[in-house]
Amino acid sequence: MKIVVCQPCPSNGDLDRVFARIEEVAHLAARAGAALAIFPELILPGYNQPDLLVSQAQSLDGPWFAQLQAIARKSGIALAIGWPERSKDTIFNTATVIGGQGEVLAHYRKIQLFGDMEKSVFAPGTEPPPIFSLCGRRIGLLICYDIEFPQHAAMLAKRGAEIILVPTANPAGFEHVQEALIPARAYENRLTVVYANYCGSEGGLEYGGRSVIVGPDAQAIAAAGLQETILIADIPSHDTYATDTLSNQAEDYRPI
């Protein structure tokens, strides 16, 4: 299964630019023979845009979602998109995976909100992270800070996830996430983690880039630097890895 990771600079609320970028990447993914393209957390309308997150948050049947469905159908590519979801008077930090026919494959509201901005704008999700199937693979969905809690990844692995998608907005100065925590989550759970971040700056926030795809042996399958990047990578089936490179923690764990 081939996946495309988009590491963009922020749009600073320019929605036309965001949708044009999503469409461009979707068609690039189609030409590359990929099944799915993943974008960062809250790519609509931008992560560090609290006023816009409140004023522009939409429901699942709003115009943003209709436009994303049209892009997915036209390209035939599944899209993993972060956006602010409004439900009555509540706003959630949401990620949705839209299939190549415009169908909803997964819909998730971030549980672990990070920092004052997120906690002032969003309510935490209350539903377990979803798992969906694509190209015969079982895929889980988390958002940014969620992956830093080992319990969430372990729960997805226990439910059969082989891959975890993680749209993120990880700032500069938190490179330990890409360097240590993502490999740890992948290794300890024998799965692949796909981590899609921003680069550049937005509203005084500098992003750390370094989007990465890490396999179950804790090794990077593909990795970005600090510039705008498109990663295109085949995700190997886990039975192609030598057993002695994989963790036995799930089998060996002894609860006290």
Protein backbone atom coordinates (compact mmCIF):
# COMPACT_ATOMS: atom_id res chain seq x y z
CA MET A 1 0.00 0.00 0.00
CA LYS A 2 1.39 3.37 -1.01
CA ILE A 3 0.73 6.50 1.10
CA VAL A 4 1.47 10.17 0.38
CA VAL A 5 2.31 12.56 3.25
CA CYS A 6 1.94 16.29 2.62
CA GLN A 7 4.18 18.55 4.76
CA PRO A 8 3.10 22.09 3.78
CA CYS A 9 3.81 25.56 5.05
CA PRO A 10 0.75 27.05 6.78
CA SER A 11 -1.85 28.81 4.64
CA ASN A 12 -2.53 31.53 7.24
CA GLY A 13 -6.24 31.11 6.69
CA ASP A 14 -6.17 31.25 2.88
CA LEU A 15 -8.80 28.59 2.17
CA ASP A 16 -8.46 28.80 -1.63
CA ARG A 17 -4.78 28.00 -1.21
CA VAL A 18 -5.54 25.08 1.10
CA PHE A 19 -8.08 23.48 -1.22
CA ALA A 20 -5.81 24.00 -4.22
CA ARG A 21 -2.99 22.27 -2.34
CA ILE A 22 -5.19 19.37 -1.29
CA GLU A 23 -6.38 18.87 -4.86
CA GLU A 24 -2.83 19.10 -6.24
CA VAL A 25 -1.56 16.49 -3.77
CA ALA A 26 -4.55 14.21 -4.39
CA HIS A 27 -3.87 14.14 -8.12
CA LEU A 28 -0.14 13.66 -7.51
CA ALA A 29 -1.01 10.71 -5.27
CA ALA A 30 -3.20 9.25 -8.01
CA ARG A 31 -0.40 9.52 -10.57
CA ALA A 32 1.98 7.84 -8.09
CA GLY A 33 -0.40 4.92 -7.60
CA ALA A 34 -1.05 5.77 -3.94
CA ALA A 35 -4.21 4.85 -2.07
CA LEU A 36 -4.25 7.67 0.50
CA ALA A 37 -2.90 11.17 1.12
CA ILE A 38 -2.58 12.57 4.64
CA PHE A 39 -2.38 16.25 5.62
CA PRO A 40 -1.55 17.99 8.93
CA GLU A 41 -3.83 18.74 11.85
CA LEU A 42 -6.44 21.45 11.20
CA ILE A 43 -5.17 22.14 7.69
CA LEU A 44 -8.59 23.77 7.33
CA PRO A 45 -8.42 26.68 8.06
CA GLY A 46 -4.96 26.47 9.74
CA TYR A 47 -3.82 25.29 13.16
CA ASN A 48 -2.68 28.47 14.93
CA GLN A 49 -5.76 30.44 13.91
CA PRO A 50 -8.03 30.41 17.00
CA ASP A 51 -10.38 33.13 15.74
CA LEU A 52 -10.86 31.35 12.41
CA LEU A 53 -11.24 27.98 14.12
CA VAL A 54 -14.20 29.38 16.05
CA SER A 55 -15.79 31.46 13.29
CA GLN A 56 -15.36 28.97 10.46
CA ALA A 57 -15.92 25.61 12.15
CA GLN A 58 -18.41 23.55 10.19
CA SER A 59 -20.50 20.43 10.50
CA LEU A 60 -19.91 17.21 8.64
CA ASP A 61 -22.56 18.20 6.10
CA GLY A 62 -21.05 21.65 5.49
CA PRO A 63 -19.49 23.08 2.29
CA TRP A 64 -15.90 22.19 3.22
CA PHE A 65 -16.75 18.53 3.45
CA ALA A 66 -18.66 18.58 0.16
CA GLN A 67 -15.63 20.13 -1.54
CA LEU A 68 -13.30 17.52 -0.04
CA GLN A 69 -15.60 14.73 -1.19
CA ALA A 70 -15.51 16.13 -4.72
CA ILE A 71 -11.69 16.15 -4.68
CA ALA A 72 -11.60 12.57 -3.38
CA ARG A 73 -14.02 11.37 -6.05
CA LYS A 74 -12.22 13.18 -8.87
CA SER A 75 -8.80 11.82 -7.87
CA GLY A 76 -9.96 8.42 -6.60
CA ILE A 77 -7.70 8.93 -3.57
CA ALA A 78 -8.58 8.64 0.12
CA LEU A 79 -7.88 11.87 2.01
CA ALA A 80 -7.03 12.17 5.72
CA ILE A 81 -7.91 15.76 6.63
CA GLY A 82 -7.79 17.74 9.88
CA TRP A 83 -10.49 20.40 10.43
CA PRO A 84 -12.61 22.09 13.16
CA GLU A 85 -15.98 20.38 13.46
CA ARG A 86 -18.97 22.22 14.90
CA SER A 87 -21.69 20.21 16.60
CA LYS A 88 -24.38 22.57 17.91
CA ASP A 89 -22.49 24.85 20.33
CA THR A 90 -19.40 22.65 20.62
CA ILE A 91 -16.26 22.61 18.45
CA PHE A 92 -14.00 19.58 18.12
CA ASN A 93 -10.49 19.17 16.72
CA THR A 94 -11.41 16.54 14.14
CA ALA A 95 -9.75 14.36 11.54
CA THR A 96 -11.79 12.60 8.85
CA VAL A 97 -10.73 10.06 6.27
CA ILE A 98 -12.72 10.33 3.04
CA GLY A 99 -12.59 7.41 0.62
CA GLY A 100 -11.99 7.63 -3.10
CA GLN A 101 -15.74 7.53 -3.76
CA GLY A 102 -16.45 10.32 -1.28
CA GLU A 103 -17.52 8.03 1.55
CA VAL A 104 -16.53 8.57 5.20
CA LEU A 105 -14.05 5.86 6.17
CA ALA A 106 -13.18 7.24 9.62
CA HIS A 107 -14.18 10.23 11.72
CA TYR A 108 -12.38 11.11 14.94
CA ARG A 109 -12.46 13.92 17.51
CA LYS A 110 -9.13 14.52 19.26
CA ILE A 111 -9.12 13.28 22.84
CA GLN A 112 -5.82 14.74 24.14
CA LEU A 113 -6.01 18.50 23.65
CA PHE A 114 -2.65 20.28 23.86
CA GLY A 115 -1.97 23.73 25.28
CA ASP A 116 -4.08 26.76 26.10
CA MET A 117 -5.20 27.51 22.53
CA GLU A 118 -6.68 24.08 21.91
CA LYS A 119 -8.29 23.88 25.33
CA SER A 120 -9.90 27.32 24.88
CA VAL A 121 -11.38 26.46 21.46
CA PHE A 122 -12.18 22.74 21.49
CA ALA A 123 -13.95 20.17 23.59
CA PRO A 124 -12.15 16.82 23.92
CA GLY A 125 -13.55 13.90 22.00
CA THR A 126 -15.22 11.13 23.96
CA GLU A 127 -15.33 8.28 21.42
CA PRO A 128 -12.51 5.73 20.96
CA PRO A 129 -10.20 6.30 17.98
CA PRO A 130 -11.56 4.52 14.90
CA ILE A 131 -10.12 1.78 12.73
CA PHE A 132 -10.99 1.43 9.06
CA SER A 133 -9.96 -0.83 6.19
CA LEU A 134 -8.23 0.29 2.99
CA CYS A 135 -6.40 -1.88 0.46
CA GLY A 136 -6.74 -4.82 2.82
CA ARG A 137 -4.95 -2.99 5.65
CA ARG A 138 -6.39 -2.11 9.07
CA ILE A 139 -5.71 1.57 9.78
CA GLY A 140 -6.22 3.59 12.97
CA LEU A 141 -6.53 7.36 13.34
CA LEU A 142 -5.16 9.67 16.05
CA ILE A 143 -4.34 13.40 16.11
CA CYS A 144 -1.02 14.94 17.19
CA TYR A 145 -0.73 14.81 21.01
CA ASP A 146 -2.79 11.58 21.13
CA ILE A 147 0.15 9.54 19.82
CA GLU A 148 2.33 10.70 22.71
CA PHE A 149 0.15 8.67 25.08
CA PRO A 150 1.13 5.00 24.68
CA GLN A 151 -2.30 3.82 25.79
CA HIS A 152 -4.05 5.07 22.64
CA ALA A 153 -1.65 3.39 20.22
CA ALA A 154 -1.70 0.19 22.27
CA MET A 155 -5.50 0.13 22.22
CA LEU A 156 -5.53 0.52 18.43
CA ALA A 157 -2.94 -2.25 18.06
CA LYS A 158 -4.98 -4.55 20.32
CA ARG A 159 -7.97 -3.93 18.04
CA GLY A 160 -5.95 -4.99 15.02
CA ALA A 161 -4.53 -1.78 13.56
CA GLU A 162 -1.46 -2.27 11.34
CA ILE A 163 -1.02 1.43 10.54
CA ILE A 164 -1.82 4.58 12.54
CA LEU A 165 -2.33 7.89 10.75
CA VAL A 166 -1.42 10.98 12.78
CA PRO A 167 -2.16 14.47 11.39
CA THR A 168 -0.14 16.82 13.59
CA ALA A 169 0.93 20.43 14.19
CA ASN A 170 4.07 19.74 16.19
CA PRO A 171 6.08 22.88 17.02
CA ALA A 172 9.82 23.31 16.74
CA GLY A 173 11.50 22.31 19.99
CA PHE A 174 9.46 19.12 20.32
CA GLU A 175 11.57 17.00 17.97
CA HIS A 176 11.69 14.25 20.60
CA VAL A 177 8.26 13.25 19.32
CA GLN A 178 9.55 12.36 15.84
CA GLU A 179 12.91 11.11 17.08
CA ALA A 180 11.82 9.03 20.08
CA LEU A 181 8.08 8.72 20.66
CA ILE A 182 6.96 7.85 17.13
CA PRO A 183 9.58 5.07 16.77
CA ALA A 184 8.64 3.83 20.25
CA ARG A 185 4.91 3.69 19.45
CA ALA A 186 5.62 1.87 16.18
CA TYR A 187 8.04 -0.60 17.74
CA GLU A 188 6.20 -1.47 20.94
CA ASN A 189 2.98 -2.13 19.02
CA ARG A 190 4.41 -3.76 15.88
CA LEU A 191 2.75 -1.27 13.55
CA THR A 192 3.55 1.62 11.19
CA VAL A 193 2.98 5.25 12.25
CA VAL A 194 2.42 7.92 9.59
CA TYR A 195 3.04 11.39 11.09
CA ALA A 196 2.16 14.44 8.93
CA ASN A 197 3.38 17.84 10.22
CA TYR A 198 3.70 21.44 9.03
CA CYS A 199 6.88 23.38 8.36
CA GLY A 200 7.39 27.15 8.47
CA SER A 201 5.60 29.50 10.85
CA GLU A 202 2.09 30.70 11.57
CA GLY A 203 0.98 33.45 13.93
CA GLY A 204 4.31 33.39 15.77
CA LEU A 205 4.36 29.59 16.07
CA GLU A 206 7.31 27.84 14.40
CA TYR A 207 6.59 24.30 13.25
CA GLY A 208 9.11 21.49 13.48
CA GLY A 209 8.58 19.75 10.12
CA ARG A 210 10.21 16.31 10.09
CA SER A 211 7.12 14.43 9.02
CA VAL A 212 7.93 10.74 9.16
CA ILE A 213 6.70 7.23 8.41
CA VAL A 214 8.13 4.70 10.88
CA GLY A 215 7.78 0.94 10.49
CA PRO A 216 7.33 -1.70 13.22
CA ASP A 217 11.10 -2.16 13.47
CA ALA A 218 11.36 1.50 14.66
CA GLN A 219 13.16 2.48 11.44
CA ALA A 220 12.03 5.36 9.21
CA ILE A 221 10.50 4.27 5.92
CA ALA A 222 10.46 7.91 4.74
CA ALA A 223 11.31 11.19 6.48
CA ALA A 224 11.07 14.89 5.69
CA GLY A 225 13.28 17.78 6.74
CA LEU A 226 12.29 21.37 7.51
CA GLN A 227 11.00 22.42 4.08
CA GLU A 228 7.75 21.84 2.20
CA THR A 229 7.84 18.17 1.26
CA ILE A 230 5.77 15.41 -0.27
CA LEU A 231 6.66 11.93 0.97
CA ILE A 232 5.59 8.97 -1.15
CA ALA A 233 6.21 5.57 0.37
CA ASP A 234 5.13 1.96 0.13
CA ILE A 235 4.05 0.60 3.50
CA PRO A 236 5.40 -2.97 3.66
CA SER A 237 3.24 -5.75 4.98
CA HIS A 238 4.38 -6.57 8.49
CA ASP A 239 5.03 -10.19 7.61
CA THR A 240 7.94 -8.98 5.44
CA TYR A 241 9.89 -7.93 8.57
CA ALA A 242 12.28 -10.35 10.21
CA THR A 243 10.78 -11.49 13.49
CA ASP A 244 13.96 -10.73 15.43
CA THR A 245 13.64 -7.02 14.50
CA LEU A 246 10.18 -6.73 16.08
CA SER A 247 8.99 -6.26 19.64
CA ASN A 248 7.62 -9.09 21.79
CA GLN A 249 6.28 -6.69 24.43
CA ALA A 250 2.61 -7.48 23.81
CA GLU A 251 3.22 -11.18 24.45
CA ASP A 252 5.69 -10.70 27.32
CA TYR A 253 3.88 -8.00 29.28
CA ARG A 254 3.02 -9.04 32.85
CA PRO A 255 0.53 -6.72 34.55
CA ILE A 256 0.99 -6.21 38.28
